[in-house]
C-alpha cells in the first residue's frame, strides 16, 4: 500500500491479464487494495436477486454485466495516447490560512518520466 500513480479519470492501458492491450478510463481507485476499476475492462456477470421492498423501491433480478477491479500494477498511464512511466516531483507552494496569513508548503506533482512534464 503506497501512493498510487493512477487517479480517477486517467486513461490507462492494460499491460497484463486477460484484457491485455485494452484501454479505458479509470472509474474508481481502491487504494486499500491497490486496485483500480477501468471502464470496459475485466467485465464480469453478476447474478442479482429480486429485492421486494414494497412499491417501486425494489430492484429487478437478472444477470448484470459490470466491471471488476484489477491490480494497479497491471495498468499503465496513457498520456496523449502514449504509455508513460510516472514519476513524482515536490514543489513548494504558498498556502493561505483562514486568518489570511500565508505559509510555504510542499506539494507532490506527477510527472512523465519520458518528457519530464507535468501530467
PDB file of N, CA and C in Angstrom:
ATOM      1  N   UNK A   1       0.835  -1.184   0.000  1.00  0.00           N
ATOM      2  CA  UNK A   1       0.000   0.000   0.000  1.00  0.00           C
ATOM      3  C   UNK A   1       0.883   1.251   0.000  1.00  0.00           C
ATOM      4  N   UNK A   2       0.823   1.986  -1.028  1.00  0.00           N
ATOM      5  CA  UNK A   2       1.592   3.212  -1.104  1.00  0.00           C
ATOM      6  C   UNK A   2       0.844   4.244  -1.912  1.00  0.00           C
ATOM      7  N   UNK A   3       1.567   5.250  -2.304  1.00  0.00           N
ATOM      8  CA  UNK A   3       0.985   6.301  -3.118  1.00  0.00           C
ATOM      9  C   UNK A   3       0.767   5.749  -4.523  1.00  0.00           C
ATOM     10  N   UNK A   4      -0.435   5.905  -5.037  1.00  0.00           N
ATOM     11  CA  UNK A   4      -0.759   5.362  -6.348  1.00  0.00           C
ATOM     12  C   UNK A   4      -0.405   6.364  -7.449  1.00  0.00           C
ATOM     13  N   UNK A   5       0.090   5.839  -8.557  1.00  0.00           N
ATOM     14  CA  UNK A   5       0.413   6.688  -9.705  1.00  0.00           C
ATOM     15  C   UNK A   5      -0.780   6.855 -10.632  1.00  0.00           C
ATOM     16  N   UNK A   6      -1.896   6.201 -10.297  1.00  0.00           N
ATOM     17  CA  UNK A   6      -3.115   6.281 -11.097  1.00  0.00           C
ATOM     18  C   UNK A   6      -4.190   7.002 -10.292  1.00  0.00           C
ATOM     19  N   UNK A   7      -4.922   7.898 -10.953  1.00  0.00           N
ATOM     20  CA  UNK A   7      -6.015   8.624 -10.308  1.00  0.00           C
ATOM     21  C   UNK A   7      -7.300   8.410 -11.084  1.00  0.00           C
ATOM     22  N   UNK A   8      -8.428   8.701 -10.435  1.00  0.00           N
ATOM     23  CA  UNK A   8      -9.730   8.615 -11.074  1.00  0.00           C
ATOM     24  C   UNK A   8      -9.773   9.588 -12.259  1.00  0.00           C
ATOM     25  N   UNK A   9     -10.287   9.117 -13.386  1.00  0.00           N
ATOM     26  CA  UNK A   9     -10.374   9.963 -14.574  1.00  0.00           C
ATOM     27  C   UNK A   9      -9.224   9.783 -15.546  1.00  0.00           C
ATOM     28  N   UNK A  10      -8.115   9.134 -15.113  1.00  0.00           N
ATOM     29  CA  UNK A  10      -6.979   8.873 -16.001  1.00  0.00           C
ATOM     30  C   UNK A  10      -7.364   7.856 -17.070  1.00  0.00           C
ATOM     31  N   UNK A  11      -6.705   7.941 -18.223  1.00  0.00           N
ATOM     32  CA  UNK A  11      -6.845   6.927 -19.251  1.00  0.00           C
ATOM     33  C   UNK A  11      -5.663   5.986 -19.114  1.00  0.00           C
ATOM     34  N   UNK A  12      -5.959   4.699 -18.993  1.00  0.00           N
ATOM     35  CA  UNK A  12      -4.890   3.717 -18.777  1.00  0.00           C
ATOM     36  C   UNK A  12      -4.967   2.603 -19.811  1.00  0.00           C
ATOM     37  N   UNK A  13      -3.816   1.922 -19.993  1.00  0.00           N
ATOM     38  CA  UNK A  13      -3.716   0.761 -20.880  1.00  0.00           C
ATOM     39  C   UNK A  13      -3.433  -0.450 -20.004  1.00  0.00           C
ATOM     40  N   UNK A  14      -4.100  -1.575 -20.289  1.00  0.00           N
ATOM     41  CA  UNK A  14      -3.878  -2.811 -19.540  1.00  0.00           C
ATOM     42  C   UNK A  14      -2.651  -3.498 -20.127  1.00  0.00           C
ATOM     43  N   UNK A  15      -1.655  -3.794 -19.274  1.00  0.00           N
ATOM     44  CA  UNK A  15      -0.400  -4.380 -19.748  1.00  0.00           C
ATOM     45  C   UNK A  15      -0.256  -5.852 -19.367  1.00  0.00           C
ATOM     46  N   UNK A  16      -1.212  -6.395 -18.594  1.00  0.00           N
ATOM     47  CA  UNK A  16      -1.156  -7.808 -18.223  1.00  0.00           C
ATOM     48  C   UNK A  16      -2.558  -8.307 -17.928  1.00  0.00           C
ATOM     49  N   UNK A  17      -2.756  -9.621 -18.094  1.00  0.00           N
ATOM     50  CA  UNK A  17      -4.040 -10.227 -17.779  1.00  0.00           C
ATOM     51  C   UNK A  17      -4.866 -10.516 -19.017  1.00  0.00           C
ATOM     52  N   UNK A  18      -6.118 -10.927 -18.791  1.00  0.00           N
ATOM     53  CA  UNK A  18      -6.975 -11.359 -19.904  1.00  0.00           C
ATOM     54  C   UNK A  18      -7.362 -10.214 -20.836  1.00  0.00           C
ATOM     55  N   UNK A  19      -7.333  -8.965 -20.361  1.00  0.00           N
ATOM     56  CA  UNK A  19      -7.691  -7.813 -21.189  1.00  0.00           C
ATOM     57  C   UNK A  19      -6.470  -7.037 -21.652  1.00  0.00           C
ATOM     58  N   UNK A  20      -5.317  -7.697 -21.730  1.00  0.00           N
ATOM     59  CA  UNK A  20      -4.056  -7.047 -22.128  1.00  0.00           C
ATOM     60  C   UNK A  20      -4.215  -6.349 -23.475  1.00  0.00           C
ATOM     61  N   UNK A  21      -3.742  -5.103 -23.547  1.00  0.00           N
ATOM     62  CA  UNK A  21      -3.837  -4.324 -24.779  1.00  0.00           C
ATOM     63  C   UNK A  21      -5.025  -3.386 -24.798  1.00  0.00           C
ATOM     64  N   UNK A  22      -6.009  -3.638 -23.957  1.00  0.00           N
ATOM     65  CA  UNK A  22      -7.190  -2.779 -23.902  1.00  0.00           C
ATOM     66  C   UNK A  22      -6.914  -1.509 -23.120  1.00  0.00           C
ATOM     67  N   UNK A  23      -7.706  -0.498 -23.355  1.00  0.00           N
ATOM     68  CA  UNK A  23      -7.537   0.755 -22.614  1.00  0.00           C
ATOM     69  C   UNK A  23      -8.900   1.310 -22.249  1.00  0.00           C
ATOM     70  N   UNK A  24      -8.912   2.163 -21.244  1.00  0.00           N
ATOM     71  CA  UNK A  24     -10.156   2.767 -20.798  1.00  0.00           C
ATOM     72  C   UNK A  24      -9.908   3.790 -19.723  1.00  0.00           C
ATOM     73  N   UNK A  25     -10.999   4.416 -19.293  1.00  0.00           N
ATOM     74  CA  UNK A  25     -10.932   5.470 -18.278  1.00  0.00           C
ATOM     75  C   UNK A  25     -11.115   4.847 -16.899  1.00  0.00           C
ATOM     76  N   UNK A  26     -10.345   5.328 -15.917  1.00  0.00           N
ATOM     77  CA  UNK A  26     -10.442   4.823 -14.555  1.00  0.00           C
ATOM     78  C   UNK A  26     -11.709   5.369 -13.917  1.00  0.00           C
ATOM     79  N   UNK A  27     -12.585   4.455 -13.453  1.00  0.00           N
ATOM     80  CA  UNK A  27     -13.836   4.835 -12.811  1.00  0.00           C
ATOM     81  C   UNK A  27     -13.614   5.067 -11.324  1.00  0.00           C
ATOM     82  N   UNK A  28     -12.812   4.188 -10.692  1.00  0.00           N
ATOM     83  CA  UNK A  28     -12.575   4.276  -9.251  1.00  0.00           C
ATOM     84  C   UNK A  28     -11.202   3.708  -8.920  1.00  0.00           C
ATOM     85  N   UNK A  29     -10.599   4.228  -7.846  1.00  0.00           N
ATOM     86  CA  UNK A  29      -9.326   3.729  -7.338  1.00  0.00           C
ATOM     87  C   UNK A  29      -9.566   3.214  -5.927  1.00  0.00           C
ATOM     88  N   UNK A  30      -9.251   1.943  -5.704  1.00  0.00           N
ATOM     89  CA  UNK A  30      -9.394   1.320  -4.389  1.00  0.00           C
ATOM     90  C   UNK A  30      -8.004   1.266  -3.757  1.00  0.00           C
ATOM     91  N   UNK A  31      -7.635   2.315  -3.024  1.00  0.00           N
ATOM     92  CA  UNK A  31      -6.269   2.447  -2.515  1.00  0.00           C
ATOM     93  C   UNK A  31      -5.914   1.379  -1.495  1.00  0.00           C
ATOM     94  N   UNK A  32      -6.858   0.960  -0.672  1.00  0.00           N
ATOM     95  CA  UNK A  32      -6.569  -0.037   0.363  1.00  0.00           C
ATOM     96  C   UNK A  32      -6.166  -1.378  -0.246  1.00  0.00           C
ATOM     97  N   UNK A  33      -6.743  -1.725  -1.391  1.00  0.00           N
ATOM     98  CA  UNK A  33      -6.432  -2.999  -2.043  1.00  0.00           C
ATOM     99  C   UNK A  33      -5.454  -2.846  -3.207  1.00  0.00           C
ATOM    100  N   UNK A  34      -4.976  -1.626  -3.494  1.00  0.00           N
ATOM    101  CA  UNK A  34      -4.099  -1.352  -4.640  1.00  0.00           C
ATOM    102  C   UNK A  34      -4.732  -1.808  -5.952  1.00  0.00           C
ATOM    103  N   UNK A  35      -6.022  -1.524  -6.114  1.00  0.00           N
ATOM    104  CA  UNK A  35      -6.732  -1.930  -7.315  1.00  0.00           C
ATOM    105  C   UNK A  35      -7.460  -0.747  -7.952  1.00  0.00           C
ATOM    106  N   UNK A  36      -7.740  -0.870  -9.242  1.00  0.00           N
ATOM    107  CA  UNK A  36      -8.487   0.162  -9.965  1.00  0.00           C
ATOM    108  C   UNK A  36      -9.617  -0.497 -10.747  1.00  0.00           C
ATOM    109  N   UNK A  37     -10.689   0.264 -10.972  1.00  0.00           N
ATOM    110  CA  UNK A  37     -11.790  -0.198 -11.814  1.00  0.00           C
ATOM    111  C   UNK A  37     -11.735   0.627 -13.093  1.00  0.00           C
ATOM    112  N   UNK A  38     -11.572  -0.066 -14.230  1.00  0.00           N
ATOM    113  CA  UNK A  38     -11.410   0.592 -15.520  1.00  0.00           C
ATOM    114  C   UNK A  38     -12.641   0.315 -16.377  1.00  0.00           C
ATOM    115  N   UNK A  39     -13.129   1.364 -17.039  1.00  0.00           N
ATOM    116  CA  UNK A  39     -14.325   1.293 -17.876  1.00  0.00           C
ATOM    117  C   UNK A  39     -14.136   0.293 -19.018  1.00  0.00           C
ATOM    118  N   UNK A  40     -15.012  -0.717 -19.089  1.00  0.00           N
ATOM    119  CA  UNK A  40     -14.978  -1.687 -20.180  1.00  0.00           C
ATOM    120  C   UNK A  40     -13.923  -2.773 -20.051  1.00  0.00           C
ATOM    121  N   UNK A  41     -13.205  -2.816 -18.936  1.00  0.00           N
ATOM    122  CA  UNK A  41     -12.125  -3.793 -18.740  1.00  0.00           C
ATOM    123  C   UNK A  41     -12.493  -4.718 -17.586  1.00  0.00           C
ATOM    124  N   UNK A  42     -12.135  -6.001 -17.706  1.00  0.00           N
ATOM    125  CA  UNK A  42     -12.386  -7.027 -16.691  1.00  0.00           C
ATOM    126  C   UNK A  42     -13.883  -7.132 -16.372  1.00  0.00           C
ATOM    127  N   UNK A  43     -14.676  -7.295 -17.422  1.00  0.00           N
ATOM    128  CA  UNK A  43     -16.124  -7.385 -17.266  1.00  0.00           C
ATOM    129  C   UNK A  43     -16.513  -8.740 -16.680  1.00  0.00           C
ATOM    130  N   UNK A  44     -17.416  -8.709 -15.711  1.00  0.00           N
ATOM    131  CA  UNK A  44     -17.930  -9.922 -15.096  1.00  0.00           C
ATOM    132  C   UNK A  44     -19.450  -9.891 -15.136  1.00  0.00           C
ATOM    133  N   UNK A  45     -20.058 -11.070 -15.043  1.00  0.00           N
ATOM    134  CA  UNK A  45     -21.515 -11.153 -14.977  1.00  0.00           C
ATOM    135  C   UNK A  45     -21.905 -11.407 -13.535  1.00  0.00           C
ATOM    136  N   UNK A  46     -22.736 -10.543 -12.991  1.00  0.00           N
ATOM    137  CA  UNK A  46     -23.175 -10.640 -11.603  1.00  0.00           C
ATOM    138  C   UNK A  46     -24.649 -11.007 -11.591  1.00  0.00           C
ATOM    139  N   UNK A  47     -24.977 -12.075 -10.846  1.00  0.00           N
ATOM    140  CA  UNK A  47     -26.363 -12.519 -10.735  1.00  0.00           C
ATOM    141  C   UNK A  47     -27.011 -11.781  -9.568  1.00  0.00           C
ATOM    142  N   UNK A  48     -28.052 -11.019  -9.846  1.00  0.00           N
ATOM    143  CA  UNK A  48     -28.722 -10.247  -8.798  1.00  0.00           C
ATOM    144  C   UNK A  48     -30.096 -10.831  -8.506  1.00  0.00           C
ATOM    145  N   UNK A  49     -30.469 -10.748  -7.258  1.00  0.00           N
ATOM    146  CA  UNK A  49     -31.730 -11.285  -6.770  1.00  0.00           C
ATOM    147  C   UNK A  49     -32.800 -10.196  -6.802  1.00  0.00           C
ATOM    148  N   UNK A  50     -34.037 -10.583  -6.950  1.00  0.00           N
ATOM    149  CA  UNK A  50     -35.145  -9.635  -6.872  1.00  0.00           C
ATOM    150  C   UNK A  50     -35.303  -9.224  -5.418  1.00  0.00           C
ATOM    151  N   UNK A  51     -35.294  -7.922  -5.164  1.00  0.00           N
ATOM    152  CA  UNK A  51     -35.482  -7.424  -3.804  1.00  0.00           C
ATOM    153  C   UNK A  51     -36.809  -6.685  -3.753  1.00  0.00           C
ATOM    154  N   UNK A  52     -37.745  -7.258  -3.033  1.00  0.00           N
ATOM    155  CA  UNK A  52     -39.057  -6.641  -2.912  1.00  0.00           C
ATOM    156  C   UNK A  52     -39.077  -5.779  -1.663  1.00  0.00           C
ATOM    157  N   UNK A  53     -39.045  -4.473  -1.866  1.00  0.00           N
ATOM    158  CA  UNK A  53     -39.053  -3.541  -0.735  1.00  0.00           C
ATOM    159  C   UNK A  53     -40.388  -2.807  -0.658  1.00  0.00           C
ATOM    160  N   UNK A  54     -41.348  -3.296  -1.349  1.00  0.00           N
ATOM    161  CA  UNK A  54     -42.665  -2.663  -1.337  1.00  0.00           C
ATOM    162  C   UNK A  54     -42.744  -1.512  -2.314  1.00  0.00           C
ATOM    163  N   UNK A  55     -43.730  -1.519  -3.138  1.00  0.00           N
ATOM    164  CA  UNK A  55     -43.926  -0.422  -4.095  1.00  0.00           C
ATOM    165  C   UNK A  55     -42.889  -0.445  -5.195  1.00  0.00           C
ATOM    166  N   UNK A  56     -42.368   0.731  -5.534  1.00  0.00           N
ATOM    167  CA  UNK A  56     -41.434   0.850  -6.650  1.00  0.00           C
ATOM    168  C   UNK A  56     -39.979   0.861  -6.208  1.00  0.00           C
ATOM    169  N   UNK A  57     -39.720   0.681  -4.906  1.00  0.00           N
ATOM    170  CA  UNK A  57     -38.363   0.761  -4.381  1.00  0.00           C
ATOM    171  C   UNK A  57     -37.553  -0.502  -4.645  1.00  0.00           C
ATOM    172  N   UNK A  58     -38.191  -1.629  -4.990  1.00  0.00           N
ATOM    173  CA  UNK A  58     -37.491  -2.896  -5.186  1.00  0.00           C
ATOM    174  C   UNK A  58     -36.652  -2.899  -6.454  1.00  0.00           C
ATOM    175  N   UNK A  59     -35.680  -3.822  -6.511  1.00  0.00           N
ATOM    176  CA  UNK A  59     -34.846  -3.954  -7.705  1.00  0.00           C
ATOM    177  C   UNK A  59     -35.254  -5.215  -8.446  1.00  0.00           C
ATOM    178  N   UNK A  60     -35.093  -5.203  -9.758  1.00  0.00           N
ATOM    179  CA  UNK A  60     -35.415  -6.372 -10.558  1.00  0.00           C
ATOM    180  C   UNK A  60     -34.206  -7.300 -10.574  1.00  0.00           C
ATOM    181  N   UNK A  61     -34.455  -8.584 -10.670  1.00  0.00           N
ATOM    182  CA  UNK A  61     -33.371  -9.560 -10.689  1.00  0.00           C
ATOM    183  C   UNK A  61     -32.874  -9.775 -12.097  1.00  0.00           C
ATOM    184  N   UNK A  62     -31.806 -10.559 -12.209  1.00  0.00           N
ATOM    185  CA  UNK A  62     -31.262 -10.882 -13.520  1.00  0.00           C
ATOM    186  C   UNK A  62     -29.757 -10.923 -13.486  1.00  0.00           C
ATOM    187  N   UNK A  63     -29.164 -10.953 -14.673  1.00  0.00           N
ATOM    188  CA  UNK A  63     -27.710 -11.005 -14.796  1.00  0.00           C
ATOM    189  C   UNK A  63     -27.229  -9.638 -15.267  1.00  0.00           C
ATOM    190  N   UNK A  64     -26.363  -9.022 -14.466  1.00  0.00           N
ATOM    191  CA  UNK A  64     -25.849  -7.688 -14.763  1.00  0.00           C
ATOM    192  C   UNK A  64     -24.372  -7.790 -15.114  1.00  0.00           C
ATOM    193  N   UNK A  65     -23.954  -7.164 -16.201  1.00  0.00           N
ATOM    194  CA  UNK A  65     -22.546  -7.115 -16.570  1.00  0.00           C
ATOM    195  C   UNK A  65     -21.937  -5.849 -15.982  1.00  0.00           C
ATOM    196  N   UNK A  66     -20.840  -6.022 -15.224  1.00  0.00           N
ATOM    197  CA  UNK A  66     -20.199  -4.884 -14.565  1.00  0.00           C
ATOM    198  C   UNK A  66     -18.683  -5.063 -14.566  1.00  0.00           C
ATOM    199  N   UNK A  67     -17.966  -3.982 -14.289  1.00  0.00           N
ATOM    200  CA  UNK A  67     -16.505  -4.029 -14.250  1.00  0.00           C
ATOM    201  C   UNK A  67     -16.031  -4.499 -12.882  1.00  0.00           C
ATOM    202  N   UNK A  68     -15.029  -5.370 -12.864  1.00  0.00           N
ATOM    203  CA  UNK A  68     -14.412  -5.809 -11.619  1.00  0.00           C
ATOM    204  C   UNK A  68     -13.055  -5.121 -11.481  1.00  0.00           C
ATOM    205  N   UNK A  69     -12.555  -4.950 -10.234  1.00  0.00           N
ATOM    206  CA  UNK A  69     -11.258  -4.292 -10.051  1.00  0.00           C
ATOM    207  C   UNK A  69     -10.108  -5.134 -10.586  1.00  0.00           C
ATOM    208  N   UNK A  70      -9.068  -4.455 -11.079  1.00  0.00           N
ATOM    209  CA  UNK A  70      -7.816  -5.130 -11.454  1.00  0.00           C
ATOM    210  C   UNK A  70      -6.679  -4.462 -10.709  1.00  0.00           C
ATOM    211  N   UNK A  71      -5.579  -5.181 -10.544  1.00  0.00           N
ATOM    212  CA  UNK A  71      -4.465  -4.658  -9.758  1.00  0.00           C
ATOM    213  C   UNK A  71      -3.810  -3.488 -10.482  1.00  0.00           C
ATOM    214  N   UNK A  72      -3.370  -2.496  -9.701  1.00  0.00           N
ATOM    215  CA  UNK A  72      -2.802  -1.266 -10.255  1.00  0.00           C
ATOM    216  C   UNK A  72      -1.500  -1.545 -11.023  1.00  0.00           C
ATOM    217  N   UNK A  73      -0.806  -2.641 -10.691  1.00  0.00           N
ATOM    218  CA  UNK A  73       0.446  -2.965 -11.390  1.00  0.00           C
ATOM    219  C   UNK A  73       0.199  -3.475 -12.808  1.00  0.00           C
ATOM    220  N   UNK A  74      -1.055  -3.825 -13.115  1.00  0.00           N
ATOM    221  CA  UNK A  74      -1.384  -4.332 -14.447  1.00  0.00           C
ATOM    222  C   UNK A  74      -1.860  -3.252 -15.408  1.00  0.00           C
ATOM    223  N   UNK A  75      -1.810  -1.994 -14.981  1.00  0.00           N
ATOM    224  CA  UNK A  75      -2.198  -0.886 -15.861  1.00  0.00           C
ATOM    225  C   UNK A  75      -1.062   0.129 -15.961  1.00  0.00           C
ATOM    226  N   UNK A  76      -1.033   0.830 -17.094  1.00  0.00           N
ATOM    227  CA  UNK A  76      -0.031   1.874 -17.321  1.00  0.00           C
ATOM    228  C   UNK A  76      -0.737   3.125 -17.823  1.00  0.00           C
ATOM    229  N   UNK A  77      -0.328   4.271 -17.294  1.00  0.00           N
ATOM    230  CA  UNK A  77      -0.953   5.541 -17.651  1.00  0.00           C
ATOM    231  C   UNK A  77      -0.697   5.888 -19.111  1.00  0.00           C
ATOM    232  N   UNK A  78      -1.718   6.406 -19.779  1.00  0.00           N
ATOM    233  CA  UNK A  78      -1.585   6.891 -21.151  1.00  0.00           C
ATOM    234  C   UNK A  78      -1.636   8.413 -21.129  1.00  0.00           C
ATOM    235  N   UNK A  79      -0.678   9.031 -21.807  1.00  0.00           N
ATOM    236  CA  UNK A  79      -0.669  10.485 -21.939  1.00  0.00           C
ATOM    237  C   UNK A  79      -0.571  10.814 -23.423  1.00  0.00           C
ATOM    238  N   UNK A  80      -1.636  11.398 -23.955  1.00  0.00           N
ATOM    239  CA  UNK A  80      -1.680  11.688 -25.388  1.00  0.00           C
ATOM    240  C   UNK A  80      -1.655  10.423 -26.231  1.00  0.00           C
ATOM    241  N   UNK A  81      -2.242   9.347 -25.721  1.00  0.00           N
ATOM    242  CA  UNK A  81      -2.287   8.087 -26.446  1.00  0.00           C
ATOM    243  C   UNK A  81      -1.032   7.241 -26.309  1.00  0.00           C
ATOM    244  N   UNK A  82       0.001   7.766 -25.663  1.00  0.00           N
ATOM    245  CA  UNK A  82       1.265   7.051 -25.492  1.00  0.00           C
ATOM    246  C   UNK A  82       1.419   6.579 -24.055  1.00  0.00           C
ATOM    247  N   UNK A  83       1.875   5.336 -23.830  1.00  0.00           N
ATOM    248  CA  UNK A  83       2.105   4.890 -22.454  1.00  0.00           C
ATOM    249  C   UNK A  83       3.321   5.587 -21.853  1.00  0.00           C
ATOM    250  N   UNK A  84       3.180   6.074 -20.631  1.00  0.00           N
ATOM    251  CA  UNK A  84       4.294   6.760 -19.965  1.00  0.00           C
ATOM    252  C   UNK A  84       4.481   6.198 -18.557  1.00  0.00           C
ATOM    253  N   UNK A  85       5.733   6.254 -18.088  1.00  0.00           N
ATOM    254  CA  UNK A  85       6.025   5.920 -16.702  1.00  0.00           C
ATOM    255  C   UNK A  85       5.834   7.181 -15.882  1.00  0.00           C
ATOM    256  N   UNK A  86       5.381   7.019 -14.656  1.00  0.00           N
ATOM    257  CA  UNK A  86       5.040   8.153 -13.811  1.00  0.00           C
ATOM    258  C   UNK A  86       6.108   8.355 -12.747  1.00  0.00           C
ATOM    259  N   UNK A  87       6.539   9.608 -12.601  1.00  0.00           N
ATOM    260  CA  UNK A  87       7.446   9.992 -11.523  1.00  0.00           C
ATOM    261  C   UNK A  87       6.781  11.078 -10.702  1.00  0.00           C
ATOM    262  N   UNK A  88       7.422  11.443  -9.615  1.00  0.00           N
ATOM    263  CA  UNK A  88       6.882  12.480  -8.747  1.00  0.00           C
ATOM    264  C   UNK A  88       7.929  13.546  -8.486  1.00  0.00           C
ATOM    265  N   UNK A  89       7.501  14.801  -8.381  1.00  0.00           N
ATOM    266  CA  UNK A  89       8.380  15.919  -8.053  1.00  0.00           C
ATOM    267  C   UNK A  89       7.719  16.724  -6.951  1.00  0.00           C
ATOM    268  N   UNK A  90       8.514  17.198  -6.002  1.00  0.00           N
ATOM    269  CA  UNK A  90       7.992  18.029  -4.924  1.00  0.00           C
ATOM    270  C   UNK A  90       8.117  19.490  -5.338  1.00  0.00           C
ATOM    271  N   UNK A  91       7.021  20.241  -5.176  1.00  0.00           N
ATOM    272  CA  UNK A  91       7.005  21.672  -5.494  1.00  0.00           C
ATOM    273  C   UNK A  91       6.644  22.463  -4.250  1.00  0.00           C
ATOM    274  N   UNK A  92       7.303  23.592  -4.070  1.00  0.00           N
ATOM    275  CA  UNK A  92       6.965  24.480  -2.956  1.00  0.00           C
ATOM    276  C   UNK A  92       5.862  25.429  -3.413  1.00  0.00           C
ATOM    277  N   UNK A  93       4.794  25.482  -2.622  1.00  0.00           N
ATOM    278  CA  UNK A  93       3.655  26.345  -2.948  1.00  0.00           C
ATOM    279  C   UNK A  93       3.308  27.209  -1.748  1.00  0.00           C
ATOM    280  N   UNK A  94       2.649  28.329  -2.015  1.00  0.00           N
ATOM    281  CA  UNK A  94       2.185  29.216  -0.950  1.00  0.00           C
ATOM    282  C   UNK A  94       0.750  28.857  -0.604  1.00  0.00           C
ATOM    283  N   UNK A  95       0.512  28.584   0.680  1.00  0.00           N
ATOM    284  CA  UNK A  95      -0.842  28.279   1.131  1.00  0.00           C
ATOM    285  C   UNK A  95      -1.315  29.376   2.062  1.00  0.00           C
ATOM    286  N   UNK A  96      -2.641  29.515   2.147  1.00  0.00           N
ATOM    287  CA  UNK A  96      -3.224  30.583   2.941  1.00  0.00           C
ATOM    288  C   UNK A  96      -4.010  29.994   4.111  1.00  0.00           C
ATOM    289  N   UNK A  97      -3.783  30.539   5.293  1.00  0.00           N
ATOM    290  CA  UNK A  97      -4.529  30.113   6.478  1.00  0.00           C
ATOM    291  C   UNK A  97      -5.861  30.857   6.525  1.00  0.00           C
ATOM    292  N   UNK A  98      -6.813  30.352   7.316  1.00  0.00           N
ATOM    293  CA  UNK A  98      -8.119  31.034   7.410  1.00  0.00           C
ATOM    294  C   UNK A  98      -8.022  32.489   7.883  1.00  0.00           C
ATOM    295  N   UNK A  99      -6.971  32.801   8.683  1.00  0.00           N
ATOM    296  CA  UNK A  99      -6.844  34.187   9.165  1.00  0.00           C
ATOM    297  C   UNK A  99      -6.199  35.127   8.143  1.00  0.00           C
ATOM    298  N   UNK A 100      -5.797  34.599   6.971  1.00  0.00           N
ATOM    299  CA  UNK A 100      -5.243  35.446   5.912  1.00  0.00           C
ATOM    300  C   UNK A 100      -3.745  35.354   5.753  1.00  0.00           C
ATOM    301  N   UNK A 101      -3.024  34.834   6.745  1.00  0.00           N
ATOM    302  CA  UNK A 101      -1.568  34.725   6.631  1.00  0.00           C
ATOM    303  C   UNK A 101      -1.202  33.574   5.690  1.00  0.00           C
ATOM    304  N   UNK A 102      -0.009  33.665   5.087  1.00  0.00           N
ATOM    305  CA  UNK A 102       0.432  32.641   4.144  1.00  0.00           C
ATOM    306  C   UNK A 102       1.625  31.888   4.721  1.00  0.00           C
ATOM    307  N   UNK A 103       1.828  30.685   4.200  1.00  0.00           N
ATOM    308  CA  UNK A 103       2.972  29.878   4.606  1.00  0.00           C
ATOM    309  C   UNK A 103       3.393  28.997   3.438  1.00  0.00           C
ATOM    310  N   UNK A 104       4.656  28.547   3.455  1.00  0.00           N
ATOM    311  CA  UNK A 104       5.174  27.706   2.381  1.00  0.00           C
ATOM    312  C   UNK A 104       4.946  26.241   2.734  1.00  0.00           C
ATOM    313  N   UNK A 105       4.462  25.474   1.754  1.00  0.00           N
ATOM    314  CA  UNK A 105       4.240  24.050   1.942  1.00  0.00           C
ATOM    315  C   UNK A 105       4.681  23.326   0.679  1.00  0.00           C
ATOM    316  N   UNK A 106       4.893  22.020   0.796  1.00  0.00           N
ATOM    317  CA  UNK A 106       5.300  21.236  -0.362  1.00  0.00           C
ATOM    318  C   UNK A 106       4.131  20.412  -0.864  1.00  0.00           C
ATOM    319  N   UNK A 107       4.110  20.234  -2.175  1.00  0.00           N
ATOM    320  CA  UNK A 107       3.039  19.505  -2.825  1.00  0.00           C
ATOM    321  C   UNK A 107       3.679  18.542  -3.816  1.00  0.00           C
ATOM    322  N   UNK A 108       3.123  17.340  -3.925  1.00  0.00           N
ATOM    323  CA  UNK A 108       3.652  16.318  -4.824  1.00  0.00           C
ATOM    324  C   UNK A 108       2.954  16.426  -6.179  1.00  0.00           C
ATOM    325  N   UNK A 109       3.742  16.447  -7.258  1.00  0.00           N
ATOM    326  CA  UNK A 109       3.204  16.597  -8.603  1.00  0.00           C
ATOM    327  C   UNK A 109       3.635  15.394  -9.442  1.00  0.00           C
ATOM    328  N   UNK A 110       2.682  14.805 -10.179  1.00  0.00           N
ATOM    329  CA  UNK A 110       3.031  13.696 -11.075  1.00  0.00           C
ATOM    330  C   UNK A 110       3.701  14.245 -12.326  1.00  0.00           C
ATOM    331  N   UNK A 111       4.785  13.586 -12.743  1.00  0.00           N
ATOM    332  CA  UNK A 111       5.477  13.987 -13.967  1.00  0.00           C
ATOM    333  C   UNK A 111       5.675  12.768 -14.864  1.00  0.00           C
ATOM    334  N   UNK A 112       5.847  13.038 -16.153  1.00  0.00           N
ATOM    335  CA  UNK A 112       6.140  11.990 -17.118  1.00  0.00           C
ATOM    336  C   UNK A 112       7.637  11.718 -17.079  1.00  0.00           C
ATOM    337  N   UNK A 113       8.027  10.468 -16.928  1.00  0.00           N
ATOM    338  CA  UNK A 113       9.453  10.110 -16.919  1.00  0.00           C
ATOM    339  C   UNK A 113      10.079  10.332 -18.289  1.00  0.00           C
ATOM    340  N   UNK A 114       9.270  10.222 -19.345  1.00  0.00           N
ATOM    341  CA  UNK A 114       9.785  10.369 -20.699  1.00  0.00           C
ATOM    342  C   UNK A 114      10.124  11.819 -21.030  1.00  0.00           C
ATOM    343  N   UNK A 115       9.184  12.745 -20.725  1.00  0.00           N
ATOM    344  CA  UNK A 115       9.364  14.141 -21.111  1.00  0.00           C
ATOM    345  C   UNK A 115       9.732  15.047 -19.939  1.00  0.00           C
ATOM    346  N   UNK A 116       9.427  14.627 -18.720  1.00  0.00           N
ATOM    347  CA  UNK A 116       9.685  15.454 -17.550  1.00  0.00           C
ATOM    348  C   UNK A 116       8.600  16.499 -17.303  1.00  0.00           C
ATOM    349  N   UNK A 117       7.550  16.496 -18.136  1.00  0.00           N
ATOM    350  CA  UNK A 117       6.468  17.460 -17.993  1.00  0.00           C
ATOM    351  C   UNK A 117       5.422  16.988 -16.983  1.00  0.00           C
ATOM    352  N   UNK A 118       4.664  17.942 -16.448  1.00  0.00           N
ATOM    353  CA  UNK A 118       3.594  17.614 -15.509  1.00  0.00           C
ATOM    354  C   UNK A 118       2.481  16.855 -16.216  1.00  0.00           C
ATOM    355  N   UNK A 119       1.859  15.951 -15.491  1.00  0.00           N
ATOM    356  CA  UNK A 119       0.736  15.193 -16.042  1.00  0.00           C
ATOM    357  C   UNK A 119      -0.556  15.805 -15.523  1.00  0.00           C
TER     358      UNK A 119
END
